[in-house]
N, C-alpha and C. Protein backbone atom coordinates (compact mmCIF):
# COMPACT_ATOMS: atom_id res chain seq x y z
N MET A 1 0.81 -1.19 0.03
CA MET A 1 0.00 0.03 0.01
C MET A 1 0.90 1.22 0.02
N MET A 2 1.94 1.27 0.74
CA MET A 2 2.85 2.41 0.82
C MET A 2 3.47 2.65 -0.51
N ASN A 3 3.89 1.62 -1.22
CA ASN A 3 4.50 1.78 -2.55
C ASN A 3 3.54 2.46 -3.51
N CYS A 4 2.27 2.14 -3.34
CA CYS A 4 1.24 2.73 -4.21
C CYS A 4 1.09 4.21 -3.97
N ILE A 5 1.18 4.62 -2.80
CA ILE A 5 1.06 6.08 -2.38
C ILE A 5 2.28 6.82 -2.95
N ILE A 6 3.48 6.25 -2.78
CA ILE A 6 4.69 6.88 -3.33
C ILE A 6 4.54 6.97 -4.79
N TYR A 7 4.14 5.94 -5.51
CA TYR A 7 4.01 5.96 -6.95
C TYR A 7 3.04 7.07 -7.43
N GLN A 8 1.91 7.16 -6.70
CA GLN A 8 0.92 8.22 -7.07
C GLN A 8 1.53 9.60 -6.86
N ASN A 9 2.29 9.83 -5.79
CA ASN A 9 2.95 11.08 -5.59
C ASN A 9 3.98 11.42 -6.70
N ASP A 10 4.77 10.32 -7.06
CA ASP A 10 5.68 10.50 -8.17
C ASP A 10 5.02 10.88 -9.43
N MET A 11 3.92 10.20 -9.77
CA MET A 11 3.17 10.52 -10.99
C MET A 11 2.58 11.89 -11.00
N SER A 12 2.15 12.30 -9.83
CA SER A 12 1.56 13.61 -9.62
C SER A 12 2.58 14.66 -9.92
N MET A 13 3.79 14.45 -9.35
CA MET A 13 4.89 15.42 -9.64
C MET A 13 5.29 15.42 -11.11
N PHE A 14 5.28 14.22 -11.74
CA PHE A 14 5.60 14.08 -13.16
C PHE A 14 4.61 14.81 -14.04
N ASN A 15 3.28 14.67 -13.65
CA ASN A 15 2.26 15.33 -14.47
C ASN A 15 2.36 16.84 -14.25
N THR A 16 2.62 17.34 -13.03
CA THR A 16 2.77 18.72 -12.81
C THR A 16 3.91 19.27 -13.68
N SER A 17 5.01 18.53 -13.69
CA SER A 17 6.23 18.98 -14.41
C SER A 17 5.83 19.05 -15.97
N LEU A 18 5.07 18.07 -16.44
CA LEU A 18 4.66 18.10 -17.89
C LEU A 18 3.73 19.31 -18.19
N ILE A 19 2.89 19.65 -17.23
CA ILE A 19 2.01 20.81 -17.40
C ILE A 19 2.79 22.08 -17.41
N ILE A 20 3.76 22.22 -16.48
CA ILE A 20 4.61 23.38 -16.50
C ILE A 20 5.44 23.57 -17.75
N GLU A 21 5.96 22.40 -18.24
CA GLU A 21 6.71 22.39 -19.51
C GLU A 21 5.88 22.89 -20.68
N GLU A 22 4.62 22.37 -20.71
CA GLU A 22 3.72 22.75 -21.77
C GLU A 22 3.30 24.25 -21.72
N GLU A 23 3.08 24.75 -20.48
CA GLU A 23 2.75 26.14 -20.28
C GLU A 23 3.95 27.01 -20.75
N HIS A 24 5.15 26.61 -20.35
CA HIS A 24 6.39 27.23 -20.78
C HIS A 24 6.53 27.30 -22.30
N ARG A 25 6.25 26.18 -22.94
CA ARG A 25 6.31 26.07 -24.46
C ARG A 25 5.29 26.96 -25.09
N MET A 26 4.12 27.03 -24.52
CA MET A 26 3.03 27.85 -25.07
C MET A 26 3.41 29.34 -24.92
N LEU A 27 3.91 29.71 -23.77
CA LEU A 27 4.29 31.06 -23.45
C LEU A 27 5.45 31.50 -24.46
N MET A 28 6.38 30.67 -24.68
CA MET A 28 7.44 30.98 -25.66
C MET A 28 6.92 31.16 -27.00
N LYS A 29 6.08 30.31 -27.40
CA LYS A 29 5.39 30.38 -28.79
C LYS A 29 4.64 31.69 -28.88
N TRP A 30 3.93 32.06 -27.87
CA TRP A 30 3.15 33.31 -27.88
C TRP A 30 4.05 34.57 -27.92
N LEU A 31 5.22 34.46 -27.28
CA LEU A 31 6.12 35.59 -27.26
C LEU A 31 7.03 35.59 -28.53
N GLU A 32 7.00 34.61 -29.39
CA GLU A 32 7.91 34.56 -30.50
C GLU A 32 7.97 35.79 -31.29
N PRO A 33 6.87 36.43 -31.71
CA PRO A 33 6.92 37.70 -32.50
C PRO A 33 7.69 38.79 -31.78
N VAL A 34 7.43 38.89 -30.50
CA VAL A 34 8.10 39.86 -29.66
C VAL A 34 9.60 39.62 -29.57
N ILE A 35 9.93 38.39 -29.39
CA ILE A 35 11.36 37.98 -29.33
C ILE A 35 12.03 38.30 -30.62
N GLU A 36 11.37 38.03 -31.76
CA GLU A 36 11.98 38.31 -33.08
C GLU A 36 12.31 39.84 -33.27
N VAL A 37 11.29 40.64 -32.87
CA VAL A 37 11.50 42.12 -33.00
C VAL A 37 12.65 42.57 -32.08
N LYS A 38 12.67 42.09 -30.88
CA LYS A 38 13.65 42.49 -29.90
C LYS A 38 15.06 42.00 -30.36
N CYS A 39 15.17 40.79 -30.89
CA CYS A 39 16.46 40.30 -31.37
C CYS A 39 16.92 41.05 -32.59
N ASP A 40 15.98 41.47 -33.47
CA ASP A 40 16.39 42.37 -34.54
C ASP A 40 16.95 43.67 -34.09
N GLU A 41 16.37 44.23 -33.00
CA GLU A 41 16.87 45.46 -32.46
C GLU A 41 18.26 45.30 -31.91
N ILE A 42 18.44 44.17 -31.14
CA ILE A 42 19.76 43.94 -30.54
C ILE A 42 20.71 43.71 -31.65
N ASN A 43 20.35 42.91 -32.65
CA ASN A 43 21.28 42.64 -33.72
C ASN A 43 21.68 43.91 -34.44
N ASN A 44 20.81 44.80 -34.67
CA ASN A 44 21.12 46.07 -35.30
C ASN A 44 22.12 46.86 -34.41
N ASP A 45 21.86 46.92 -33.13
CA ASP A 45 22.77 47.56 -32.18
C ASP A 45 24.13 46.95 -32.26
N VAL A 46 24.12 45.65 -32.17
CA VAL A 46 25.46 44.93 -32.23
C VAL A 46 26.24 45.19 -33.49
N MET A 47 25.54 45.15 -34.60
CA MET A 47 26.23 45.40 -35.91
C MET A 47 26.58 46.86 -36.09
N ASN A 48 25.83 47.74 -35.60
CA ASN A 48 26.03 49.23 -35.79
C ASN A 48 27.04 49.78 -34.80
N ASP A 49 26.99 49.29 -33.57
CA ASP A 49 27.81 49.87 -32.57
C ASP A 49 29.05 49.06 -32.18
N GLU A 50 28.85 47.88 -31.65
CA GLU A 50 29.87 47.06 -31.14
C GLU A 50 30.72 46.38 -32.17
N ASN A 51 30.15 45.98 -33.26
CA ASN A 51 30.95 45.23 -34.20
C ASN A 51 31.08 45.93 -35.59
N LYS A 52 30.76 47.19 -35.66
CA LYS A 52 30.82 47.94 -36.86
C LYS A 52 32.19 47.88 -37.56
N LYS A 53 33.18 48.06 -36.74
CA LYS A 53 34.60 48.03 -37.33
C LYS A 53 34.95 46.64 -37.85
N LEU A 54 34.57 45.63 -37.07
CA LEU A 54 34.83 44.27 -37.51
C LEU A 54 34.15 43.93 -38.81
N TYR A 55 32.87 44.34 -38.90
CA TYR A 55 32.09 44.15 -40.13
C TYR A 55 32.70 44.84 -41.31
N GLU A 56 33.11 46.11 -41.08
CA GLU A 56 33.72 46.89 -42.14
C GLU A 56 35.06 46.23 -42.63
N ASN A 57 35.85 45.68 -41.66
CA ASN A 57 37.01 44.97 -41.99
C ASN A 57 36.77 43.73 -42.80
N LEU A 58 35.70 43.00 -42.42
CA LEU A 58 35.38 41.81 -43.19
C LEU A 58 34.95 42.14 -44.64
N ILE A 59 34.15 43.15 -44.81
CA ILE A 59 33.66 43.57 -46.16
C ILE A 59 34.90 44.00 -46.94
N SER A 60 35.74 44.75 -46.35
CA SER A 60 36.94 45.21 -47.02
C SER A 60 37.81 44.06 -47.52
N ILE A 61 37.97 43.07 -46.73
CA ILE A 61 38.74 41.91 -47.09
C ILE A 61 38.12 41.18 -48.18
N LEU A 62 36.76 41.03 -48.10
CA LEU A 62 36.01 40.25 -49.10
C LEU A 62 36.07 40.93 -50.45
N ARG A 63 36.05 42.24 -50.45
CA ARG A 63 36.05 43.02 -51.67
C ARG A 63 37.44 43.12 -52.37
N HIS A 64 38.49 43.08 -51.57
CA HIS A 64 39.79 43.17 -52.07
C HIS A 64 40.55 41.88 -52.29
N ASP A 65 39.90 40.73 -51.90
CA ASP A 65 40.54 39.47 -52.07
C ASP A 65 40.27 38.92 -53.51
N ASN A 66 41.33 38.83 -54.31
CA ASN A 66 41.21 38.46 -55.68
C ASN A 66 40.84 37.00 -55.87
N CYS A 67 41.01 36.15 -54.85
CA CYS A 67 40.71 34.76 -54.95
C CYS A 67 39.20 34.44 -54.94
N LEU A 68 38.44 35.41 -54.44
CA LEU A 68 37.00 35.15 -54.33
C LEU A 68 36.26 35.92 -55.45
N ASN A 69 35.25 35.18 -56.00
CA ASN A 69 34.40 35.88 -56.92
C ASN A 69 33.32 36.59 -56.09
N ASP A 70 32.48 37.48 -56.74
CA ASP A 70 31.52 38.27 -56.05
C ASP A 70 30.48 37.36 -55.28
N ASP A 71 30.07 36.28 -55.91
CA ASP A 71 29.07 35.40 -55.30
C ASP A 71 29.63 34.82 -54.04
N ASN A 72 30.86 34.34 -54.04
CA ASN A 72 31.44 33.75 -52.84
C ASN A 72 31.62 34.83 -51.71
N GLY A 73 31.97 35.95 -52.09
CA GLY A 73 32.06 37.14 -51.11
C GLY A 73 30.78 37.43 -50.44
N ILE A 74 29.74 37.49 -51.25
CA ILE A 74 28.42 37.76 -50.77
C ILE A 74 27.92 36.64 -49.88
N GLU A 75 28.21 35.40 -50.19
CA GLU A 75 27.85 34.21 -49.39
C GLU A 75 28.52 34.30 -48.06
N ILE A 76 29.83 34.60 -48.05
CA ILE A 76 30.54 34.72 -46.76
C ILE A 76 29.96 35.81 -45.90
N GLU A 77 29.68 36.94 -46.52
CA GLU A 77 29.10 38.03 -45.79
C GLU A 77 27.71 37.60 -45.21
N ASN A 78 26.84 36.91 -45.98
CA ASN A 78 25.58 36.47 -45.45
C ASN A 78 25.74 35.45 -44.33
N ILE A 79 26.68 34.61 -44.39
CA ILE A 79 26.97 33.62 -43.39
C ILE A 79 27.36 34.37 -42.02
N PHE A 80 28.18 35.37 -42.19
CA PHE A 80 28.65 36.13 -41.06
C PHE A 80 27.45 36.79 -40.37
N LEU A 81 26.62 37.45 -41.19
CA LEU A 81 25.45 38.14 -40.60
C LEU A 81 24.44 37.15 -39.95
N LEU A 82 24.28 36.08 -40.61
CA LEU A 82 23.35 35.03 -40.08
C LEU A 82 23.84 34.45 -38.78
N ALA A 83 25.21 34.24 -38.68
CA ALA A 83 25.84 33.68 -37.42
C ALA A 83 25.63 34.69 -36.31
N ILE A 84 25.77 36.00 -36.57
CA ILE A 84 25.54 37.00 -35.55
C ILE A 84 24.07 37.03 -35.09
N ARG A 85 23.19 36.88 -36.09
CA ARG A 85 21.75 36.97 -35.78
C ARG A 85 21.33 35.79 -34.94
N ASN A 86 21.84 34.61 -35.28
CA ASN A 86 21.50 33.36 -34.59
C ASN A 86 22.03 33.40 -33.19
N ALA A 87 23.27 33.92 -33.03
CA ALA A 87 23.80 34.07 -31.66
C ALA A 87 22.98 34.93 -30.78
N VAL A 88 22.51 36.06 -31.34
CA VAL A 88 21.65 37.03 -30.56
C VAL A 88 20.34 36.30 -30.20
N LEU A 89 19.69 35.60 -31.21
CA LEU A 89 18.48 34.90 -30.90
C LEU A 89 18.59 33.83 -29.85
N ILE A 90 19.62 33.02 -29.94
CA ILE A 90 19.83 31.96 -29.04
C ILE A 90 20.06 32.51 -27.59
N SER A 91 20.92 33.56 -27.51
CA SER A 91 21.23 34.09 -26.28
C SER A 91 19.98 34.79 -25.59
N TYR A 92 19.29 35.55 -26.38
CA TYR A 92 18.09 36.23 -25.83
C TYR A 92 17.07 35.21 -25.37
N THR A 93 16.79 34.22 -26.15
CA THR A 93 15.76 33.22 -25.83
C THR A 93 16.20 32.43 -24.56
N ALA A 94 17.46 32.07 -24.53
CA ALA A 94 17.95 31.31 -23.34
C ALA A 94 17.76 32.16 -22.07
N GLY A 95 18.12 33.48 -22.16
CA GLY A 95 18.01 34.35 -21.01
C GLY A 95 16.51 34.50 -20.61
N LEU A 96 15.63 34.67 -21.56
CA LEU A 96 14.19 34.72 -21.27
C LEU A 96 13.67 33.47 -20.65
N ARG A 97 14.11 32.29 -21.09
CA ARG A 97 13.69 31.04 -20.53
C ARG A 97 14.20 30.94 -19.06
N ASP A 98 15.44 31.31 -18.87
CA ASP A 98 16.03 31.28 -17.54
C ASP A 98 15.23 32.11 -16.57
N GLY A 99 14.93 33.34 -17.05
CA GLY A 99 14.16 34.30 -16.25
C GLY A 99 12.77 33.74 -15.88
N ILE A 100 12.14 33.10 -16.85
CA ILE A 100 10.77 32.50 -16.62
C ILE A 100 10.92 31.39 -15.59
N ASN A 101 11.94 30.54 -15.76
CA ASN A 101 12.13 29.42 -14.77
C ASN A 101 12.41 29.92 -13.37
N ILE A 102 13.27 30.90 -13.25
CA ILE A 102 13.55 31.57 -11.94
C ILE A 102 12.26 32.14 -11.31
N TYR A 103 11.47 32.81 -12.11
CA TYR A 103 10.21 33.40 -11.63
C TYR A 103 9.24 32.32 -11.15
N LYS A 104 9.20 31.21 -11.85
CA LYS A 104 8.26 30.14 -11.51
C LYS A 104 8.64 29.43 -10.18
N LYS A 105 9.91 29.43 -9.96
CA LYS A 105 10.42 28.75 -8.72
C LYS A 105 10.09 29.65 -7.53
């Protein structure tokens, strides 16, 4: 009988955990458009303020390197911009999730 009670309590905790995870997923889905806008703002700030000189150096190298054709240079530039954008999105989303988890505890 005691094992049955422990099992029920474990299942109750498991179900509660699943509900919290589902609520968290739904909240993040609902916030997705806001996250996208905020990440675009951060990305613009990063590219215009903090990394402007690095970006200008990259473009200068790509334009003056005779081994690359224009398409390859543009592709490398796009990869660089996408990598920065992805890093901002991942970092912002992780911070938001951590904040939500701390608040719920």
